[in-house]
């Protein structure tokens, strides 16, 4: 109820996220303040990059935040009926958007965001980084999912009450996620299969990287997910009841999307759409480790409307 999270750098503590029902968060750059996120029923926060504004998060029952990429939009987050936010990259997305009625969080940047995000009732998650994001995502009841690309953001999350999403690579289609009470989607890497998401009332999907496992999603009614990097722990994301997902960049955390009530979000790649995730009603799917699904017990509460059209 106090500590939201802590960001730890590979060798040093990059920062910590504290939750006090009031503080949204602050983004700190290695030598300067990257930005601060403020929440007042309207403005969620703003992310500032060392030399330029990385992005700003706005919250007013419509827009949660927006991250801007130096030359193009890396991504955008859309809320179930409105826009949740947008992620923009400047040179690297330093921060993340956290939503929990009041707490946004604080993002700290040292040289790379290693940190950890903690959820006020439980631990939101931990991100592990070493040289690549292997990560794991855990779903509780409403997690949509996350896309992790080895060196870049694979895709975007779109929420439109029906479609789960599709992942597109810069020059080719990395993959697409389909939701039909069985298959959530499949993620394809430019040269190989990055992963696939399968949904069959138990397993939502698995992400496979061309040569290694990009991530794993575990579900245990408490832990939403943990991202483990090849050699060291960069952080972990734990969700208590409603975390949606996070996006992790190969060398730095591009950002994460935290779902408090219904935020899905969309992530955009530098020059093209890397991918899109579409949510059917609330929960799109869950990603489970391709290596092992341990203690996975999830059920899809949201039925598929017969009139729904799949994209």
Protein backbone atom coordinates (compact mmCIF):
# COMPACT_ATOMS: atom_id res chain seq x y z
CA UNK A 1 0.00 0.00 0.00
CA UNK A 2 2.98 2.17 0.03
CA UNK A 3 5.61 0.92 -2.20
CA UNK A 4 4.64 0.65 -5.81
CA UNK A 5 7.84 -0.68 -7.05
CA UNK A 6 11.51 -0.36 -7.31
CA UNK A 7 13.64 -0.07 -10.32
CA UNK A 8 16.94 -1.78 -10.06
CA UNK A 9 19.75 -1.33 -12.48
CA UNK A 10 21.99 -4.21 -13.48
CA UNK A 11 24.58 -3.24 -10.92
CA UNK A 12 22.90 -0.48 -9.05
CA UNK A 13 19.52 0.63 -7.97
CA UNK A 14 18.10 2.85 -10.63
CA UNK A 15 15.15 3.87 -8.65
CA UNK A 16 12.13 2.97 -6.66
CA UNK A 17 8.46 3.39 -7.11
CA UNK A 18 6.49 4.45 -4.11
CA UNK A 19 2.79 4.45 -3.73
CA UNK A 20 1.05 6.76 -1.27
CA UNK A 21 -2.34 7.28 -2.83
CA UNK A 22 -1.09 10.53 -4.19
CA UNK A 23 2.26 10.38 -5.79
CA UNK A 24 2.11 9.36 -9.39
CA UNK A 25 5.71 9.03 -10.16
CA UNK A 26 8.80 10.65 -11.40
CA UNK A 27 11.11 9.77 -14.15
CA UNK A 28 14.74 10.22 -13.50
CA UNK A 29 17.40 10.13 -16.11
CA UNK A 30 20.94 9.03 -15.34
CA UNK A 31 22.15 12.60 -15.06
CA UNK A 32 18.95 14.49 -15.22
CA UNK A 33 15.33 14.20 -14.43
CA UNK A 34 13.65 12.49 -17.29
CA UNK A 35 10.28 13.50 -16.15
CA UNK A 36 7.54 13.19 -13.64
CA UNK A 37 4.10 11.80 -13.80
CA UNK A 38 1.38 13.63 -12.00
CA UNK A 39 -2.11 12.45 -11.45
CA UNK A 40 -4.98 14.80 -10.63
CA UNK A 41 -7.98 13.24 -12.27
CA UNK A 42 -6.79 14.70 -15.49
CA UNK A 43 -3.10 14.61 -16.01
CA UNK A 44 -1.41 11.33 -15.43
CA UNK A 45 2.05 12.44 -16.09
CA UNK A 46 4.64 13.45 -18.52
CA UNK A 47 7.75 11.67 -19.51
CA UNK A 48 10.75 13.71 -20.38
CA UNK A 49 13.82 12.42 -22.04
CA UNK A 50 17.30 13.72 -21.21
CA UNK A 51 17.29 16.16 -24.06
CA UNK A 52 13.75 15.98 -25.24
CA UNK A 53 10.33 15.13 -24.08
CA UNK A 54 9.87 11.41 -24.37
CA UNK A 55 6.22 11.66 -23.79
CA UNK A 56 3.41 12.73 -21.60
CA UNK A 57 0.72 10.83 -19.89
CA UNK A 58 -2.68 12.36 -19.70
CA UNK A 59 -5.55 10.98 -17.75
CA UNK A 60 -9.04 12.43 -17.91
CA UNK A 61 -11.36 9.47 -18.25
CA UNK A 62 -10.12 9.30 -21.82
CA UNK A 63 -6.47 9.69 -22.44
CA UNK A 64 -4.01 8.16 -20.06
CA UNK A 65 -0.80 9.03 -21.65
CA UNK A 66 1.19 9.33 -24.76
CA UNK A 67 4.74 8.47 -25.47
CA UNK A 68 6.40 10.09 -28.39
CA UNK A 69 9.16 8.62 -30.43
CA UNK A 70 11.94 10.94 -31.54
CA UNK A 71 10.96 10.68 -35.15
CA UNK A 72 7.83 8.64 -35.07
CA UNK A 73 5.27 7.20 -32.80
CA UNK A 74 6.48 4.00 -31.24
CA UNK A 75 3.17 3.19 -29.77
CA UNK A 76 -0.09 4.30 -28.38
CA UNK A 77 -2.32 3.07 -25.68
CA UNK A 78 -6.03 3.05 -26.17
CA UNK A 79 -8.59 2.66 -23.49
CA UNK A 80 -11.58 0.39 -24.03
CA UNK A 81 -13.83 3.12 -25.36
CA UNK A 82 -11.41 5.95 -25.51
CA UNK A 83 -7.72 6.42 -25.73
CA UNK A 84 -5.66 5.39 -22.80
CA UNK A 85 -2.43 6.68 -24.01
CA UNK A 86 0.29 6.60 -26.50
CA UNK A 87 3.86 5.59 -26.21
CA UNK A 88 6.39 7.67 -27.99
CA UNK A 89 10.03 6.92 -28.26
CA UNK A 90 12.63 9.68 -28.38
CA UNK A 91 15.73 7.67 -28.51
CA UNK A 92 14.50 5.07 -26.14
CA UNK A 93 11.38 4.90 -24.12
CA UNK A 94 12.50 5.40 -20.57
CA UNK A 95 9.23 5.08 -18.89
CA UNK A 96 6.07 3.20 -18.44
CA UNK A 97 2.47 4.00 -17.81
CA UNK A 98 1.03 2.75 -14.61
CA UNK A 99 -2.59 3.06 -13.74
CA UNK A 100 -4.27 2.13 -10.49
CA UNK A 101 -6.89 4.73 -9.61
CA UNK A 102 -4.27 7.14 -8.44
CA UNK A 103 -0.88 5.65 -8.52
CA UNK A 104 0.94 5.94 -11.78
CA UNK A 105 4.35 5.29 -10.47
CA UNK A 106 7.78 6.67 -10.80
CA UNK A 107 10.12 5.76 -13.52
CA UNK A 108 13.80 5.99 -12.96
CA UNK A 109 16.39 5.87 -15.62
CA UNK A 110 20.07 5.42 -14.86
CA UNK A 111 21.49 4.04 -17.99
CA UNK A 112 18.81 1.50 -18.57
CA UNK A 113 15.62 0.82 -16.81
CA UNK A 114 16.17 -2.36 -14.91
CA UNK A 115 13.70 -1.73 -12.20
CA UNK A 116 10.67 -3.34 -10.81
CA UNK A 117 7.10 -2.30 -10.60
CA UNK A 118 5.00 -3.22 -7.64
CA UNK A 119 1.27 -3.18 -7.50
CA UNK A 120 -0.40 -1.59 -4.47
CA UNK A 121 -2.17 -4.76 -3.44
CA UNK A 122 0.40 -7.11 -4.78
CA UNK A 123 3.53 -6.99 -6.77
CA UNK A 124 2.83 -5.82 -10.26
CA UNK A 125 5.85 -7.27 -11.82
CA UNK A 126 9.50 -7.45 -12.32
CA UNK A 127 11.40 -6.93 -15.47
CA UNK A 128 14.55 -8.85 -16.07
CA UNK A 129 17.12 -7.58 -18.42
CA UNK A 130 20.63 -8.57 -19.35
CA UNK A 131 20.97 -8.45 -23.04
CA UNK A 132 17.55 -9.50 -24.15
CA UNK A 133 14.12 -9.53 -22.72
CA UNK A 134 13.10 -13.10 -22.10
CA UNK A 135 10.38 -12.21 -19.73
CA UNK A 136 7.25 -13.78 -18.57
CA UNK A 137 3.73 -12.52 -18.37
CA UNK A 138 1.26 -13.74 -15.84
CA UNK A 139 -2.42 -13.27 -16.18
CA UNK A 140 -4.84 -12.91 -13.31
CA UNK A 141 -8.27 -12.30 -14.68
CA UNK A 142 -7.98 -9.64 -17.30
CA UNK A 143 -4.51 -9.56 -18.63
CA UNK A 144 -4.49 -8.98 -22.33
CA UNK A 145 -0.94 -9.69 -23.12
CA UNK A 146 2.33 -8.25 -24.05
CA UNK A 147 4.57 -8.39 -27.04
CA UNK A 148 8.29 -8.53 -26.69
CA UNK A 149 10.65 -8.13 -29.53
CA UNK A 150 14.29 -9.05 -29.21
CA UNK A 151 15.58 -5.69 -30.25
CA UNK A 152 12.52 -3.67 -30.88
CA UNK A 153 8.92 -3.42 -30.00
CA UNK A 154 7.20 -6.12 -31.95
CA UNK A 155 3.82 -4.64 -31.95
CA UNK A 156 0.92 -2.74 -30.67
CA UNK A 157 -2.01 -3.51 -28.50
CA UNK A 158 -5.38 -2.51 -29.76
CA UNK A 159 -8.55 -2.85 -27.86
CA UNK A 160 -11.86 -2.76 -29.68
CA UNK A 161 -14.13 -5.13 -27.82
CA UNK A 162 -13.45 -7.86 -30.33
CA UNK A 163 -10.13 -8.20 -32.04
CA UNK A 164 -7.20 -9.44 -30.06
CA UNK A 165 -4.52 -8.11 -32.23
CA UNK A 166 -1.86 -8.65 -34.75
CA UNK A 167 1.83 -8.22 -34.59
CA UNK A 168 3.66 -6.75 -37.49
CA UNK A 169 7.35 -6.55 -38.02
CA UNK A 170 9.06 -3.52 -39.57
CA UNK A 171 9.30 -5.07 -42.99
CA UNK A 172 7.21 -8.13 -42.59
CA UNK A 173 4.40 -9.44 -40.58
CA UNK A 174 5.84 -10.69 -37.34
CA UNK A 175 2.65 -12.30 -36.35
CA UNK A 176 -0.97 -11.92 -35.57
CA UNK A 177 -3.05 -12.76 -32.62
CA UNK A 178 -6.42 -14.27 -33.25
CA UNK A 179 -9.04 -14.92 -30.69
CA UNK A 180 -11.62 -17.62 -31.30
CA UNK A 181 -12.00 -19.42 -28.00
CA UNK A 182 -8.97 -21.44 -28.89
CA UNK A 183 -6.22 -19.63 -30.70
CA UNK A 184 -5.15 -16.25 -29.48
CA UNK A 185 -2.47 -15.59 -31.95
CA UNK A 186 0.95 -16.26 -33.17
CA UNK A 187 3.95 -14.07 -33.18
CA UNK A 188 6.40 -14.38 -35.98
CA UNK A 189 9.86 -13.00 -36.08
CA UNK A 190 11.31 -11.50 -39.25
CA UNK A 191 13.38 -14.57 -39.90
CA UNK A 192 11.82 -17.00 -37.57
CA UNK A 193 8.95 -17.63 -35.28
CA UNK A 194 9.17 -15.35 -32.31
CA UNK A 195 6.31 -17.01 -30.64
CA UNK A 196 2.76 -18.09 -30.76
CA UNK A 197 -0.15 -17.48 -28.51
CA UNK A 198 -2.59 -20.26 -28.02
CA UNK A 199 -5.79 -20.05 -26.13
CA UNK A 200 -7.76 -23.13 -25.19
CA UNK A 201 -9.46 -22.24 -21.95
CA UNK A 202 -6.18 -22.77 -20.22
CA UNK A 203 -3.21 -21.92 -22.33
CA UNK A 204 -3.37 -18.59 -24.05
CA UNK A 205 -0.15 -18.60 -25.86
CA UNK A 206 3.52 -18.94 -25.92
CA UNK A 207 6.11 -16.66 -27.28
CA UNK A 208 9.00 -18.17 -29.14
CA UNK A 209 12.03 -16.27 -30.17
CA UNK A 210 14.00 -17.21 -33.26
CA UNK A 211 16.72 -18.81 -31.22
CA UNK A 212 15.54 -18.38 -27.69
CA UNK A 213 12.45 -18.02 -25.66
CA UNK A 214 11.43 -14.42 -25.68
CA UNK A 215 9.18 -14.77 -22.75
CA UNK A 216 6.88 -16.75 -20.61
CA UNK A 217 3.56 -15.99 -19.12
CA UNK A 218 2.48 -17.58 -15.92
CA UNK A 219 -0.82 -17.33 -14.20
CA UNK A 220 -1.34 -17.93 -10.51
CA UNK A 221 -4.05 -15.56 -9.34
CA UNK A 222 -1.42 -13.33 -7.85
CA UNK A 223 1.59 -13.02 -9.99
CA UNK A 224 0.83 -11.55 -13.36
CA UNK A 225 4.14 -11.95 -14.90
CA UNK A 226 7.79 -11.79 -14.55
CA UNK A 227 10.24 -10.91 -17.19
CA UNK A 228 13.47 -12.75 -16.91
CA UNK A 229 16.41 -11.84 -18.96
CA UNK A 230 18.99 -14.31 -20.12
CA UNK A 231 21.46 -13.78 -17.32
CA UNK A 232 20.12 -11.35 -14.83
CA UNK A 233 16.98 -10.05 -13.33
CA UNK A 234 16.01 -6.72 -14.69
CA UNK A 235 12.73 -6.63 -12.97
CA UNK A 236 9.44 -8.29 -12.45
CA UNK A 237 5.90 -7.35 -13.11
CA UNK A 238 3.32 -8.72 -10.78
CA UNK A 239 -0.31 -8.16 -11.17
CA UNK A 240 -2.91 -8.44 -8.50
CA UNK A 241 -6.15 -8.39 -10.38
CA UNK A 242 -6.04 -6.40 -13.55
CA UNK A 243 -2.64 -5.83 -15.05
CA UNK A 244 -2.77 -5.83 -18.79
CA UNK A 245 0.71 -5.96 -20.09
CA UNK A 246 3.98 -4.36 -20.66
CA UNK A 247 6.32 -3.78 -23.50
CA UNK A 248 9.99 -4.40 -23.08
CA UNK A 249 12.70 -3.20 -25.36
CA UNK A 250 15.71 -5.39 -26.08
CA UNK A 251 18.23 -3.14 -24.43
CA UNK A 252 15.95 -1.00 -22.43
CA UNK A 253 12.48 -1.11 -21.16
CA UNK A 254 10.39 0.60 -23.76
CA UNK A 255 7.55 0.73 -21.39
CA UNK A 256 4.78 -1.18 -19.88
CA UNK A 257 1.07 -0.91 -19.88
CA UNK A 258 -0.71 -1.60 -16.68
CA UNK A 259 -4.32 -2.40 -16.77
CA UNK A 260 -6.41 -1.23 -13.85
CA UNK A 261 -9.86 -1.43 -15.24
CA UNK A 262 -9.81 -1.97 -18.96
CA UNK A 263 -6.86 -0.34 -20.59
CA UNK A 264 -5.44 -2.30 -23.44
CA UNK A 265 -3.28 0.03 -25.38
CA UNK A 266 -1.53 0.09 -28.65
CA UNK A 267 2.10 -0.01 -29.45
CA UNK A 268 3.46 1.37 -32.61
CA UNK A 269 6.75 0.62 -34.23
CA UNK A 270 9.10 3.30 -35.59
CA UNK A 271 8.24 3.07 -39.23
CA UNK A 272 5.51 0.52 -39.43
CA UNK A 273 3.00 -1.26 -37.41
CA UNK A 274 4.85 -3.99 -35.61
CA UNK A 275 1.75 -5.50 -34.27
CA UNK A 276 -1.62 -4.99 -32.79
CA UNK A 277 -3.53 -6.66 -30.07
CA UNK A 278 -7.26 -6.61 -30.12
CA UNK A 279 -9.35 -7.49 -27.16
CA UNK A 280 -12.61 -9.33 -27.57
CA UNK A 281 -14.47 -8.18 -24.53
CA UNK A 282 -11.96 -7.63 -21.82
CA UNK A 283 -9.41 -10.32 -21.74
CA UNK A 284 -7.59 -11.09 -24.92
CA UNK A 285 -5.41 -13.80 -23.77
CA UNK A 286 -2.60 -14.94 -21.69
CA UNK A 287 0.87 -15.93 -22.61
CA UNK A 288 2.41 -19.03 -21.16
CA UNK A 289 5.96 -20.19 -21.25
CA UNK A 290 6.84 -22.43 -24.13
CA UNK A 291 9.14 -24.27 -21.86
CA UNK A 292 6.80 -24.97 -19.03
CA UNK A 293 3.34 -24.06 -17.83
CA UNK A 294 3.46 -24.33 -14.08
CA UNK A 295 0.46 -23.86 -11.87
CA UNK A 296 -1.59 -22.32 -14.62
CA UNK A 297 -5.22 -22.06 -13.75
CA UNK A 298 -7.15 -19.52 -15.67
CA UNK A 299 -10.58 -19.45 -17.12
CA UNK A 300 -12.02 -17.19 -19.71
CA UNK A 301 -14.93 -15.45 -18.08
CA UNK A 302 -15.84 -13.32 -21.07
CA UNK A 303 -17.97 -15.15 -23.64
CA UNK A 304 -17.61 -14.49 -27.29
CA UNK A 305 -20.59 -12.60 -28.71
CA UNK A 306 -22.07 -14.56 -31.57
CA UNK A 307 -22.33 -11.44 -33.64
CA UNK A 308 -18.70 -10.53 -33.17
CA UNK A 309 -16.67 -10.20 -36.30
CA UNK A 310 -13.11 -11.34 -36.25
CA UNK A 311 -10.45 -9.31 -37.91
